[in-house]
Amino acid sequence: MVSSEENEPRARAIFAAVAGAQLVARSRSDISLYDALIDSYRTAGLLPA
């Protein structure tokens, strides 16, 4: 669990990660790349499962 003082920076980091994955996938016209990036973020512990 994340403390309340860490919520906002963590939320911003998650938002940036998801936006980045969308940008990469759209720029390559490959939605499966988005799914792969999100899965890799989860595996690395950057996103909740």
C-alpha atoms as a PDB file:
ATOM      1  CA  MET A   1       0.000   0.000   0.000  1.00  0.00           C
ATOM      2  CA  VAL A   2       1.140   3.521  -0.729  1.00  0.00           C
ATOM      3  CA  SER A   3       1.003   6.260   1.913  1.00  0.00           C
ATOM      4  CA  SER A   4      -1.288   9.210   1.304  1.00  0.00           C
ATOM      5  CA  GLU A   5       1.642  11.586   0.776  1.00  0.00           C
ATOM      6  CA  GLU A   6       2.912   9.351  -2.039  1.00  0.00           C
ATOM      7  CA  ASN A   7      -0.466   9.078  -3.805  1.00  0.00           C
ATOM      8  CA  GLU A   8      -0.195  12.100  -6.097  1.00  0.00           C
ATOM      9  CA  PRO A   9       3.348  11.467  -7.401  1.00  0.00           C
ATOM     10  CA  ARG A  10       2.490   7.793  -7.931  1.00  0.00           C
ATOM     11  CA  ALA A  11      -0.726   8.694  -9.761  1.00  0.00           C
ATOM     12  CA  ARG A  12       1.196  11.085 -12.012  1.00  0.00           C
ATOM     13  CA  ALA A  13       3.779   8.409 -12.765  1.00  0.00           C
ATOM     14  CA  ILE A  14       1.079   5.883 -13.649  1.00  0.00           C
ATOM     15  CA  PHE A  15      -0.671   8.454 -15.852  1.00  0.00           C
ATOM     16  CA  ALA A  16       2.605   9.216 -17.648  1.00  0.00           C
ATOM     17  CA  ALA A  17       3.355   5.518 -18.162  1.00  0.00           C
ATOM     18  CA  VAL A  18      -0.068   4.823 -19.656  1.00  0.00           C
ATOM     19  CA  ALA A  19       0.046   7.948 -21.834  1.00  0.00           C
ATOM     20  CA  GLY A  20       3.500   6.960 -23.059  1.00  0.00           C
ATOM     21  CA  ALA A  21       2.324   3.461 -23.919  1.00  0.00           C
ATOM     22  CA  GLN A  22      -0.606   4.943 -25.853  1.00  0.00           C
ATOM     23  CA  LEU A  23       1.674   7.318 -27.726  1.00  0.00           C
ATOM     24  CA  VAL A  24       4.105   4.581 -28.734  1.00  0.00           C
ATOM     25  CA  ALA A  25       1.332   2.198 -29.812  1.00  0.00           C
ATOM     26  CA  ARG A  26      -0.519   4.858 -31.811  1.00  0.00           C
ATOM     27  CA  SER A  27       2.633   6.108 -33.505  1.00  0.00           C
ATOM     28  CA  ARG A  28       3.312   2.560 -34.707  1.00  0.00           C
ATOM     29  CA  SER A  29      -0.362   1.749 -35.402  1.00  0.00           C
ATOM     30  CA  ASP A  30      -0.032  -1.365 -33.252  1.00  0.00           C
ATOM     31  CA  ILE A  31      -2.523  -1.736 -30.402  1.00  0.00           C
ATOM     32  CA  SER A  32      -0.928  -5.033 -29.363  1.00  0.00           C
ATOM     33  CA  LEU A  33       2.196  -3.031 -28.514  1.00  0.00           C
ATOM     34  CA  TYR A  34       0.129  -1.051 -25.976  1.00  0.00           C
ATOM     35  CA  ASP A  35      -0.973  -4.287 -24.311  1.00  0.00           C
ATOM     36  CA  ALA A  36       2.601  -5.577 -24.254  1.00  0.00           C
ATOM     37  CA  LEU A  37       3.903  -2.352 -22.694  1.00  0.00           C
ATOM     38  CA  ILE A  38       1.203  -2.338 -20.001  1.00  0.00           C
ATOM     39  CA  ASP A  39       1.943  -5.995 -19.233  1.00  0.00           C
ATOM     40  CA  SER A  40       5.652  -5.207 -18.919  1.00  0.00           C
ATOM     41  CA  TYR A  41       4.870  -2.300 -16.556  1.00  0.00           C
ATOM     42  CA  ARG A  42       2.820  -4.689 -14.398  1.00  0.00           C
ATOM     43  CA  THR A  43       5.562  -7.316 -14.419  1.00  0.00           C
ATOM     44  CA  ALA A  44       8.102  -4.701 -13.345  1.00  0.00           C
ATOM     45  CA  GLY A  45       5.791  -3.594 -10.512  1.00  0.00           C
ATOM     46  CA  LEU A  46       5.192  -0.124 -11.940  1.00  0.00           C
ATOM     47  CA  LEU A  47       1.440  -0.702 -12.280  1.00  0.00           C
ATOM     48  CA  PRO A  48      -0.874  -2.611  -9.976  1.00  0.00           C
ATOM     49  CA  ALA A  49      -2.012  -6.013 -11.217  1.00  0.00           C
END
